[in-house]
Amino acid sequence: MHDYIKERTLKIGEYIVETRNTVRTIAREFGVSKSTVHKDLTERLPDINPDLANRVKEILEYHKSIRHLRGGEATKEKYKKEEPAEKLTKKLPVARGISVRV
């Protein structure tokens, strides 16, 4: 394994223990993919630093256990921001006996 990969893996491992951020957030901050972060933390880190890997594993398991809640919150926020459909439709005057379709 290249030295830069070892260094990145250790930095990411220490960072997740300090901040408890999600894999997605860490990937964005380190400029690598989620897959790379996950592989660094689950496959490479145990070979480099088993103690740190155990602490990281606990955090990843916690994130996995609450991901269904995070998804629900994201959906709730999404629909909270959208305007109701009735506000988006136009109300046109309609004469009796004549129907207008928009």
PDB file of N, CA and C in Angstrom:
ATOM      1  N   MET A   1       0.845  -1.176   0.000  1.00  0.00           N
ATOM      2  CA  MET A   1       0.000   0.000   0.000  1.00  0.00           C
ATOM      3  C   MET A   1       0.893   1.243   0.000  1.00  0.00           C
ATOM      4  N   HIS A   2       0.521   2.217  -0.811  1.00  0.00           N
ATOM      5  CA  HIS A   2       1.296   3.452  -0.912  1.00  0.00           C
ATOM      6  C   HIS A   2       1.181   4.259   0.384  1.00  0.00           C
ATOM      7  N   ASP A   3       2.209   5.058   0.627  1.00  0.00           N
ATOM      8  CA  ASP A   3       2.250   5.862   1.843  1.00  0.00           C
ATOM      9  C   ASP A   3       1.109   6.878   1.904  1.00  0.00           C
ATOM     10  N   TYR A   4       0.789   7.495   0.756  1.00  0.00           N
ATOM     11  CA  TYR A   4      -0.266   8.507   0.769  1.00  0.00           C
ATOM     12  C   TYR A   4      -1.623   7.892   1.112  1.00  0.00           C
ATOM     13  N   ILE A   5      -1.823   6.627   0.746  1.00  0.00           N
ATOM     14  CA  ILE A   5      -3.082   5.953   1.086  1.00  0.00           C
ATOM     15  C   ILE A   5      -3.131   5.688   2.590  1.00  0.00           C
ATOM     16  N   LYS A   6      -2.012   5.253   3.160  1.00  0.00           N
ATOM     17  CA  LYS A   6      -1.948   5.022   4.607  1.00  0.00           C
ATOM     18  C   LYS A   6      -2.220   6.319   5.370  1.00  0.00           C
ATOM     19  N   GLU A   7      -1.577   7.393   4.921  1.00  0.00           N
ATOM     20  CA  GLU A   7      -1.761   8.689   5.583  1.00  0.00           C
ATOM     21  C   GLU A   7      -3.217   9.148   5.505  1.00  0.00           C
ATOM     22  N   ARG A   8      -3.806   9.021   4.315  1.00  0.00           N
ATOM     23  CA  ARG A   8      -5.204   9.426   4.135  1.00  0.00           C
ATOM     24  C   ARG A   8      -6.119   8.582   5.019  1.00  0.00           C
ATOM     25  N   THR A   9      -5.861   7.293   5.062  1.00  0.00           N
ATOM     26  CA  THR A   9      -6.686   6.391   5.868  1.00  0.00           C
ATOM     27  C   THR A   9      -6.627   6.759   7.342  1.00  0.00           C
ATOM     28  N   LEU A  10      -5.446   7.040   7.849  1.00  0.00           N
ATOM     29  CA  LEU A  10      -5.301   7.440   9.252  1.00  0.00           C
ATOM     30  C   LEU A  10      -5.974   8.784   9.525  1.00  0.00           C
ATOM     31  N   LYS A  11      -5.798   9.733   8.608  1.00  0.00           N
ATOM     32  CA  LYS A  11      -6.422  11.050   8.781  1.00  0.00           C
ATOM     33  C   LYS A  11      -7.940  10.930   8.810  1.00  0.00           C
ATOM     34  N   ILE A  12      -8.485  10.141   7.885  1.00  0.00           N
ATOM     35  CA  ILE A  12      -9.935   9.958   7.823  1.00  0.00           C
ATOM     36  C   ILE A  12     -10.422   9.253   9.083  1.00  0.00           C
ATOM     37  N   GLY A  13      -9.692   8.237   9.537  1.00  0.00           N
ATOM     38  CA  GLY A  13     -10.068   7.517  10.749  1.00  0.00           C
ATOM     39  C   GLY A  13     -10.089   8.420  11.966  1.00  0.00           C
ATOM     40  N   GLU A  14      -9.054   9.221  12.135  1.00  0.00           N
ATOM     41  CA  GLU A  14      -8.996  10.146  13.272  1.00  0.00           C
ATOM     42  C   GLU A  14     -10.094  11.208  13.162  1.00  0.00           C
ATOM     43  N   TYR A  15     -10.337  11.656  11.931  1.00  0.00           N
ATOM     44  CA  TYR A  15     -11.342  12.696  11.704  1.00  0.00           C
ATOM     45  C   TYR A  15     -12.744  12.209  12.064  1.00  0.00           C
ATOM     46  N   ILE A  16     -13.074  10.983  11.669  1.00  0.00           N
ATOM     47  CA  ILE A  16     -14.428  10.481  11.955  1.00  0.00           C
ATOM     48  C   ILE A  16     -14.609  10.259  13.451  1.00  0.00           C
ATOM     49  N   VAL A  17     -13.546   9.878  14.161  1.00  0.00           N
ATOM     50  CA  VAL A  17     -13.649   9.703  15.611  1.00  0.00           C
ATOM     51  C   VAL A  17     -13.844  11.057  16.296  1.00  0.00           C
ATOM     52  N   GLU A  18     -13.167  12.080  15.818  1.00  0.00           N
ATOM     53  CA  GLU A  18     -13.283  13.417  16.410  1.00  0.00           C
ATOM     54  C   GLU A  18     -14.635  14.061  16.129  1.00  0.00           C
ATOM     55  N   THR A  19     -15.092  13.972  14.877  1.00  0.00           N
ATOM     56  CA  THR A  19     -16.280  14.716  14.462  1.00  0.00           C
ATOM     57  C   THR A  19     -17.561  13.887  14.419  1.00  0.00           C
ATOM     58  N   ARG A  20     -17.444  12.584  14.268  1.00  0.00           N
ATOM     59  CA  ARG A  20     -18.578  11.670  14.117  1.00  0.00           C
ATOM     60  C   ARG A  20     -19.427  12.028  12.890  1.00  0.00           C
ATOM     61  N   ASN A  21     -18.800  12.613  11.871  1.00  0.00           N
ATOM     62  CA  ASN A  21     -19.501  12.947  10.631  1.00  0.00           C
ATOM     63  C   ASN A  21     -19.807  11.686   9.834  1.00  0.00           C
ATOM     64  N   THR A  22     -20.705  11.830   8.870  1.00  0.00           N
ATOM     65  CA  THR A  22     -21.068  10.701   8.014  1.00  0.00           C
ATOM     66  C   THR A  22     -20.013  10.493   6.939  1.00  0.00           C
ATOM     67  N   VAL A  23     -20.047   9.323   6.321  1.00  0.00           N
ATOM     68  CA  VAL A  23     -19.106   8.993   5.251  1.00  0.00           C
ATOM     69  C   VAL A  23     -19.254   9.983   4.100  1.00  0.00           C
ATOM     70  N   ARG A  24     -20.476  10.354   3.786  1.00  0.00           N
ATOM     71  CA  ARG A  24     -20.723  11.299   2.691  1.00  0.00           C
ATOM     72  C   ARG A  24     -20.067  12.652   2.960  1.00  0.00           C
ATOM     73  N   THR A  25     -20.213  13.151   4.182  1.00  0.00           N
ATOM     74  CA  THR A  25     -19.627  14.433   4.554  1.00  0.00           C
ATOM     75  C   THR A  25     -18.107  14.373   4.505  1.00  0.00           C
ATOM     76  N   ILE A  26     -17.553  13.295   5.034  1.00  0.00           N
ATOM     77  CA  ILE A  26     -16.097  13.136   5.051  1.00  0.00           C
ATOM     78  C   ILE A  26     -15.553  13.035   3.630  1.00  0.00           C
ATOM     79  N   ALA A  27     -16.249  12.307   2.767  1.00  0.00           N
ATOM     80  CA  ALA A  27     -15.811  12.181   1.373  1.00  0.00           C
ATOM     81  C   ALA A  27     -15.755  13.546   0.710  1.00  0.00           C
ATOM     82  N   ARG A  28     -16.771  14.363   0.957  1.00  0.00           N
ATOM     83  CA  ARG A  28     -16.812  15.706   0.386  1.00  0.00           C
ATOM     84  C   ARG A  28     -15.643  16.545   0.902  1.00  0.00           C
ATOM     85  N   GLU A  29     -15.372  16.464   2.202  1.00  0.00           N
ATOM     86  CA  GLU A  29     -14.321  17.279   2.803  1.00  0.00           C
ATOM     87  C   GLU A  29     -12.917  16.844   2.383  1.00  0.00           C
ATOM     88  N   PHE A  30     -12.730  15.544   2.159  1.00  0.00           N
ATOM     89  CA  PHE A  30     -11.408  15.039   1.768  1.00  0.00           C
ATOM     90  C   PHE A  30     -11.229  14.961   0.252  1.00  0.00           C
ATOM     91  N   GLY A  31     -12.289  15.216  -0.493  1.00  0.00           N
ATOM     92  CA  GLY A  31     -12.191  15.227  -1.952  1.00  0.00           C
ATOM     93  C   GLY A  31     -12.034  13.850  -2.570  1.00  0.00           C
ATOM     94  N   VAL A  32     -12.615  12.829  -1.931  1.00  0.00           N
ATOM     95  CA  VAL A  32     -12.590  11.465  -2.472  1.00  0.00           C
ATOM     96  C   VAL A  32     -14.025  10.947  -2.489  1.00  0.00           C
ATOM     97  N   SER A  33     -14.209   9.775  -3.087  1.00  0.00           N
ATOM     98  CA  SER A  33     -15.561   9.222  -3.180  1.00  0.00           C
ATOM     99  C   SER A  33     -15.979   8.555  -1.876  1.00  0.00           C
ATOM    100  N   LYS A  34     -17.286   8.342  -1.731  1.00  0.00           N
ATOM    101  CA  LYS A  34     -17.796   7.636  -0.556  1.00  0.00           C
ATOM    102  C   LYS A  34     -17.236   6.219  -0.515  1.00  0.00           C
ATOM    103  N   SER A  35     -17.099   5.615  -1.676  1.00  0.00           N
ATOM    104  CA  SER A  35     -16.555   4.251  -1.747  1.00  0.00           C
ATOM    105  C   SER A  35     -15.132   4.198  -1.227  1.00  0.00           C
ATOM    106  N   THR A  36     -14.335   5.204  -1.571  1.00  0.00           N
ATOM    107  CA  THR A  36     -12.945   5.260  -1.109  1.00  0.00           C
ATOM    108  C   THR A  36     -12.898   5.418   0.403  1.00  0.00           C
ATOM    109  N   VAL A  37     -13.715   6.308   0.943  1.00  0.00           N
ATOM    110  CA  VAL A  37     -13.746   6.515   2.390  1.00  0.00           C
ATOM    111  C   VAL A  37     -14.156   5.215   3.077  1.00  0.00           C
ATOM    112  N   HIS A  38     -15.191   4.575   2.572  1.00  0.00           N
ATOM    113  CA  HIS A  38     -15.675   3.340   3.182  1.00  0.00           C
ATOM    114  C   HIS A  38     -14.610   2.246   3.114  1.00  0.00           C
ATOM    115  N   LYS A  39     -13.951   2.113   1.984  1.00  0.00           N
ATOM    116  CA  LYS A  39     -12.896   1.091   1.847  1.00  0.00           C
ATOM    117  C   LYS A  39     -11.728   1.401   2.777  1.00  0.00           C
ATOM    118  N   ASP A  40     -11.347   2.674   2.865  1.00  0.00           N
ATOM    119  CA  ASP A  40     -10.266   3.061   3.776  1.00  0.00           C
ATOM    120  C   ASP A  40     -10.609   2.667   5.213  1.00  0.00           C
ATOM    121  N   LEU A  41     -11.840   2.954   5.624  1.00  0.00           N
ATOM    122  CA  LEU A  41     -12.220   2.737   7.017  1.00  0.00           C
ATOM    123  C   LEU A  41     -12.489   1.277   7.362  1.00  0.00           C
ATOM    124  N   THR A  42     -13.025   0.513   6.431  1.00  0.00           N
ATOM    125  CA  THR A  42     -13.406  -0.863   6.758  1.00  0.00           C
ATOM    126  C   THR A  42     -12.365  -1.909   6.370  1.00  0.00           C
ATOM    127  N   GLU A  43     -11.570  -1.655   5.349  1.00  0.00           N
ATOM    128  CA  GLU A  43     -10.613  -2.660   4.891  1.00  0.00           C
ATOM    129  C   GLU A  43      -9.160  -2.297   5.209  1.00  0.00           C
ATOM    130  N   ARG A  44      -8.789  -1.058   4.989  1.00  0.00           N
ATOM    131  CA  ARG A  44      -7.383  -0.674   5.155  1.00  0.00           C
ATOM    132  C   ARG A  44      -7.028  -0.318   6.594  1.00  0.00           C
ATOM    133  N   LEU A  45      -7.913   0.396   7.275  1.00  0.00           N
ATOM    134  CA  LEU A  45      -7.621   0.859   8.629  1.00  0.00           C
ATOM    135  C   LEU A  45      -7.358  -0.280   9.623  1.00  0.00           C
ATOM    136  N   PRO A  46      -8.097  -1.400   9.582  1.00  0.00           N
ATOM    137  CA  PRO A  46      -7.793  -2.487  10.525  1.00  0.00           C
ATOM    138  C   PRO A  46      -6.359  -3.029  10.399  1.00  0.00           C
ATOM    139  N   ASP A  47      -5.804  -2.992   9.207  1.00  0.00           N
ATOM    140  CA  ASP A  47      -4.419  -3.449   9.022  1.00  0.00           C
ATOM    141  C   ASP A  47      -3.412  -2.433   9.552  1.00  0.00           C
ATOM    142  N   ILE A  48      -3.763  -1.156   9.468  1.00  0.00           N
ATOM    143  CA  ILE A  48      -2.836  -0.091   9.856  1.00  0.00           C
ATOM    144  C   ILE A  48      -2.913   0.181  11.360  1.00  0.00           C
ATOM    145  N   ASN A  49      -4.140   0.343  11.886  1.00  0.00           N
ATOM    146  CA  ASN A  49      -4.326   0.705  13.297  1.00  0.00           C
ATOM    147  C   ASN A  49      -5.612   0.043  13.814  1.00  0.00           C
ATOM    148  N   PRO A  50      -5.508  -1.180  14.347  1.00  0.00           N
ATOM    149  CA  PRO A  50      -6.705  -1.921  14.782  1.00  0.00           C
ATOM    150  C   PRO A  50      -7.519  -1.210  15.872  1.00  0.00           C
ATOM    151  N   ASP A  51      -6.863  -0.513  16.806  1.00  0.00           N
ATOM    152  CA  ASP A  51      -7.603   0.176  17.869  1.00  0.00           C
ATOM    153  C   ASP A  51      -8.481   1.289  17.303  1.00  0.00           C
ATOM    154  N   LEU A  52      -7.894   2.083  16.426  1.00  0.00           N
ATOM    155  CA  LEU A  52      -8.652   3.154  15.775  1.00  0.00           C
ATOM    156  C   LEU A  52      -9.773   2.562  14.928  1.00  0.00           C
ATOM    157  N   ALA A  53      -9.486   1.452  14.271  1.00  0.00           N
ATOM    158  CA  ALA A  53     -10.487   0.797  13.418  1.00  0.00           C
ATOM    159  C   ALA A  53     -11.696   0.359  14.241  1.00  0.00           C
ATOM    160  N   ASN A  54     -11.486  -0.114  15.465  1.00  0.00           N
ATOM    161  CA  ASN A  54     -12.610  -0.529  16.314  1.00  0.00           C
ATOM    162  C   ASN A  54     -13.478   0.654  16.715  1.00  0.00           C
ATOM    163  N   ARG A  55     -12.846   1.796  17.013  1.00  0.00           N
ATOM    164  CA  ARG A  55     -13.616   2.990  17.361  1.00  0.00           C
ATOM    165  C   ARG A  55     -14.415   3.483  16.154  1.00  0.00           C
ATOM    166  N   VAL A  56     -13.782   3.444  14.981  1.00  0.00           N
ATOM    167  CA  VAL A  56     -14.458   3.868  13.743  1.00  0.00           C
ATOM    168  C   VAL A  56     -15.622   2.931  13.438  1.00  0.00           C
ATOM    169  N   LYS A  57     -15.409   1.639  13.656  1.00  0.00           N
ATOM    170  CA  LYS A  57     -16.458   0.652  13.373  1.00  0.00           C
ATOM    171  C   LYS A  57     -17.709   0.928  14.194  1.00  0.00           C
ATOM    172  N   GLU A  58     -17.537   1.300  15.456  1.00  0.00           N
ATOM    173  CA  GLU A  58     -18.685   1.633  16.309  1.00  0.00           C
ATOM    174  C   GLU A  58     -19.462   2.818  15.749  1.00  0.00           C
ATOM    175  N   ILE A  59     -18.736   3.823  15.278  1.00  0.00           N
ATOM    176  CA  ILE A  59     -19.384   5.013  14.718  1.00  0.00           C
ATOM    177  C   ILE A  59     -20.139   4.659  13.440  1.00  0.00           C
ATOM    178  N   LEU A  60     -19.511   3.858  12.567  1.00  0.00           N
ATOM    179  CA  LEU A  60     -20.171   3.461  11.321  1.00  0.00           C
ATOM    180  C   LEU A  60     -21.413   2.620  11.599  1.00  0.00           C
ATOM    181  N   GLU A  61     -21.345   1.751  12.590  1.00  0.00           N
ATOM    182  CA  GLU A  61     -22.516   0.941  12.948  1.00  0.00           C
ATOM    183  C   GLU A  61     -23.643   1.815  13.492  1.00  0.00           C
ATOM    184  N   TYR A  62     -23.277   2.823  14.273  1.00  0.00           N
ATOM    185  CA  TYR A  62     -24.293   3.758  14.778  1.00  0.00           C
ATOM    186  C   TYR A  62     -24.953   4.494  13.618  1.00  0.00           C
ATOM    187  N   HIS A  63     -24.151   5.000  12.680  1.00  0.00           N
ATOM    188  CA  HIS A  63     -24.712   5.699  11.520  1.00  0.00           C
ATOM    189  C   HIS A  63     -25.630   4.784  10.731  1.00  0.00           C
ATOM    190  N   LYS A  64     -25.230   3.523  10.600  1.00  0.00           N
ATOM    191  CA  LYS A  64     -26.058   2.575   9.861  1.00  0.00           C
ATOM    192  C   LYS A  64     -27.381   2.327  10.583  1.00  0.00           C
ATOM    193  N   SER A  65     -27.337   2.306  11.917  1.00  0.00           N
ATOM    194  CA  SER A  65     -28.549   2.030  12.682  1.00  0.00           C
ATOM    195  C   SER A  65     -29.555   3.178  12.626  1.00  0.00           C
ATOM    196  N   ILE A  66     -29.100   4.400  12.363  1.00  0.00           N
ATOM    197  CA  ILE A  66     -30.027   5.540  12.324  1.00  0.00           C
ATOM    198  C   ILE A  66     -30.266   6.074  10.920  1.00  0.00           C
ATOM    199  N   ARG A  67     -29.774   5.393   9.915  1.00  0.00           N
ATOM    200  CA  ARG A  67     -29.903   5.954   8.559  1.00  0.00           C
ATOM    201  C   ARG A  67     -31.353   6.058   8.108  1.00  0.00           C
ATOM    202  N   HIS A  68     -32.207   5.149   8.570  1.00  0.00           N
ATOM    203  CA  HIS A  68     -33.620   5.250   8.191  1.00  0.00           C
ATOM    204  C   HIS A  68     -34.256   6.491   8.797  1.00  0.00           C
ATOM    205  N   LEU A  69     -33.777   6.927   9.939  1.00  0.00           N
ATOM    206  CA  LEU A  69     -34.291   8.151  10.550  1.00  0.00           C
ATOM    207  C   LEU A  69     -33.798   9.378   9.804  1.00  0.00           C
ATOM    208  N   ARG A  70     -32.538   9.360   9.402  1.00  0.00           N
ATOM    209  CA  ARG A  70     -31.978  10.487   8.641  1.00  0.00           C
ATOM    210  C   ARG A  70     -32.714  10.656   7.316  1.00  0.00           C
ATOM    211  N   GLY A  71     -33.006   9.543   6.654  1.00  0.00           N
ATOM    212  CA  GLY A  71     -33.729   9.601   5.386  1.00  0.00           C
ATOM    213  C   GLY A  71     -35.112  10.192   5.573  1.00  0.00           C
ATOM    214  N   GLY A  72     -35.780   9.814   6.654  1.00  0.00           N
ATOM    215  CA  GLY A  72     -37.107  10.354   6.942  1.00  0.00           C
ATOM    216  C   GLY A  72     -37.064  11.842   7.205  1.00  0.00           C
ATOM    217  N   GLU A  73     -36.041  12.299   7.908  1.00  0.00           N
ATOM    218  CA  GLU A  73     -35.891  13.735   8.185  1.00  0.00           C
ATOM    219  C   GLU A  73     -35.656  14.508   6.891  1.00  0.00           C
ATOM    220  N   ALA A  74     -34.831  13.948   6.008  1.00  0.00           N
ATOM    221  CA  ALA A  74     -34.550  14.629   4.738  1.00  0.00           C
ATOM    222  C   ALA A  74     -35.830  14.779   3.913  1.00  0.00           C
ATOM    223  N   THR A  75     -36.634  13.732   3.876  1.00  0.00           N
ATOM    224  CA  THR A  75     -37.886  13.782   3.128  1.00  0.00           C
ATOM    225  C   THR A  75     -38.839  14.800   3.753  1.00  0.00           C
ATOM    226  N   LYS A  76     -38.909  14.816   5.067  1.00  0.00           N
ATOM    227  CA  LYS A  76     -39.774  15.765   5.772  1.00  0.00           C
ATOM    228  C   LYS A  76     -39.379  17.199   5.447  1.00  0.00           C
ATOM    229  N   GLU A  77     -38.089  17.490   5.477  1.00  0.00           N
ATOM    230  CA  GLU A  77     -37.602  18.831   5.167  1.00  0.00           C
ATOM    231  C   GLU A  77     -37.883  19.198   3.716  1.00  0.00           C
ATOM    232  N   LYS A  78     -37.730  18.219   2.819  1.00  0.00           N
ATOM    233  CA  LYS A  78     -37.969  18.470   1.403  1.00  0.00           C
ATOM    234  C   LYS A  78     -39.412  18.935   1.176  1.00  0.00           C
ATOM    235  N   TYR A  79     -40.366  18.227   1.749  1.00  0.00           N
ATOM    236  CA  TYR A  79     -41.756  18.570   1.525  1.00  0.00           C
ATOM    237  C   TYR A  79     -42.194  19.791   2.326  1.00  0.00           C
ATOM    238  N   LYS A  80     -41.502  20.090   3.393  1.00  0.00           N
ATOM    239  CA  LYS A  80     -41.796  21.286   4.166  1.00  0.00           C
ATOM    240  C   LYS A  80     -41.456  22.536   3.354  1.00  0.00           C
ATOM    241  N   LYS A  81     -40.407  22.456   2.525  1.00  0.00           N
ATOM    242  CA  LYS A  81     -39.956  23.594   1.728  1.00  0.00           C
ATOM    243  C   LYS A  81     -40.836  23.833   0.502  1.00  0.00           C
ATOM    244  N   GLU A  82     -41.468  22.774  -0.027  1.00  0.00           N
ATOM    245  CA  GLU A  82     -42.303  22.915  -1.219  1.00  0.00           C
ATOM    246  C   GLU A  82     -43.612  23.609  -0.870  1.00  0.00           C
ATOM    247  N   GLU A  83     -44.104  24.400  -1.809  1.00  0.00           N
ATOM    248  CA  GLU A  83     -45.386  25.075  -1.611  1.00  0.00           C
ATOM    249  C   GLU A  83     -46.519  24.101  -1.924  1.00  0.00           C
ATOM    250  N   PRO A  84     -47.626  24.237  -1.255  1.00  0.00           N
ATOM    251  CA  PRO A  84     -48.775  23.386  -1.578  1.00  0.00           C
ATOM    252  C   PRO A  84     -49.216  23.599  -3.018  1.00  0.00           C
ATOM    253  N   ALA A  85     -49.750  22.570  -3.629  1.00  0.00           N
ATOM    254  CA  ALA A  85     -50.147  22.618  -5.044  1.00  0.00           C
ATOM    255  C   ALA A  85     -51.222  23.656  -5.301  1.00  0.00           C
ATOM    256  N   GLU A  86     -52.117  23.887  -4.342  1.00  0.00           N
ATOM    257  CA  GLU A  86     -53.210  24.843  -4.585  1.00  0.00           C
ATOM    258  C   GLU A  86     -52.710  26.274  -4.747  1.00  0.00           C
ATOM    259  N   LYS A  87     -51.591  26.593  -4.174  1.00  0.00           N
ATOM    260  CA  LYS A  87     -51.042  27.934  -4.326  1.00  0.00           C
ATOM    261  C   LYS A  87     -50.414  28.125  -5.706  1.00  0.00           C
ATOM    262  N   LEU A  88     -50.061  27.037  -6.338  1.00  0.00           N
ATOM    263  CA  LEU A  88     -49.381  27.112  -7.620  1.00  0.00           C
ATOM    264  C   LEU A  88     -50.351  27.156  -8.810  1.00  0.00           C
ATOM    265  N   THR A  89     -51.610  26.835  -8.592  1.00  0.00           N
ATOM    266  CA  THR A  89     -52.563  26.830  -9.708  1.00  0.00           C
ATOM    267  C   THR A  89     -53.226  28.197  -9.840  1.00  0.00           C
ATOM    268  N   LYS A  90     -53.594  28.532 -11.060  1.00  0.00           N
ATOM    269  CA  LYS A  90     -54.279  29.797 -11.328  1.00  0.00           C
ATOM    270  C   LYS A  90     -55.777  29.590 -11.213  1.00  0.00           C
ATOM    271  N   LYS A  91     -56.432  30.569 -10.648  1.00  0.00           N
ATOM    272  CA  LYS A  91     -57.891  30.521 -10.595  1.00  0.00           C
ATOM    273  C   LYS A  91     -58.410  31.504 -11.649  1.00  0.00           C
ATOM    274  N   LEU A  92     -59.080  30.955 -12.638  1.00  0.00           N
ATOM    275  CA  LEU A  92     -59.615  31.755 -13.729  1.00  0.00           C
ATOM    276  C   LEU A  92     -61.121  31.913 -13.556  1.00  0.00           C
ATOM    277  N   PRO A  93     -61.628  33.080 -13.908  1.00  0.00           N
ATOM    278  CA  PRO A  93     -63.083  33.257 -13.836  1.00  0.00           C
ATOM    279  C   PRO A  93     -63.757  32.373 -14.879  1.00  0.00           C
ATOM    280  N   VAL A  94     -64.844  31.755 -14.487  1.00  0.00           N
ATOM    281  CA  VAL A  94     -65.550  30.861 -15.389  1.00  0.00           C
ATOM    282  C   VAL A  94     -67.005  31.317 -15.477  1.00  0.00           C
ATOM    283  N   ALA A  95     -67.463  31.491 -16.732  1.00  0.00           N
ATOM    284  CA  ALA A  95     -68.866  31.870 -16.947  1.00  0.00           C
ATOM    285  C   ALA A  95     -69.729  30.610 -16.792  1.00  0.00           C
ATOM    286  N   ARG A  96     -70.962  30.823 -16.428  1.00  0.00           N
ATOM    287  CA  ARG A  96     -71.837  29.673 -16.251  1.00  0.00           C
ATOM    288  C   ARG A  96     -72.030  28.913 -17.547  1.00  0.00           C
ATOM    289  N   GLY A  97     -71.956  27.608 -17.440  1.00  0.00           N
ATOM    290  CA  GLY A  97     -72.186  26.758 -18.586  1.00  0.00           C
ATOM    291  C   GLY A  97     -70.962  26.606 -19.486  1.00  0.00           C
ATOM    292  N   ILE A  98     -69.907  27.303 -19.219  1.00  0.00           N
ATOM    293  CA  ILE A  98     -68.694  27.193 -20.041  1.00  0.00           C
ATOM    294  C   ILE A  98     -67.583  26.663 -19.150  1.00  0.00           C
ATOM    295  N   SER A  99     -66.959  25.612 -19.579  1.00  0.00           N
ATOM    296  CA  SER A  99     -65.839  25.086 -18.789  1.00  0.00           C
ATOM    297  C   SER A  99     -64.525  25.471 -19.474  1.00  0.00           C
ATOM    298  N   VAL A 100     -63.577  25.806 -18.679  1.00  0.00           N
ATOM    299  CA  VAL A 100     -62.282  26.225 -19.200  1.00  0.00           C
ATOM    300  C   VAL A 100     -61.230  25.272 -18.644  1.00  0.00           C
ATOM    301  N   ARG A 101     -60.398  24.773 -19.510  1.00  0.00           N
ATOM    302  CA  ARG A 101     -59.294  23.921 -19.070  1.00  0.00           C
ATOM    303  C   ARG A 101     -57.977  24.630 -19.340  1.00  0.00           C
ATOM    304  N   VAL A 102     -57.118  24.554 -18.395  1.00  0.00           N
ATOM    305  CA  VAL A 102     -55.829  25.239 -18.527  1.00  0.00           C
ATOM    306  C   VAL A 102     -54.758  24.226 -18.750  1.00  0.00           C
TER     307      VAL A 102
END
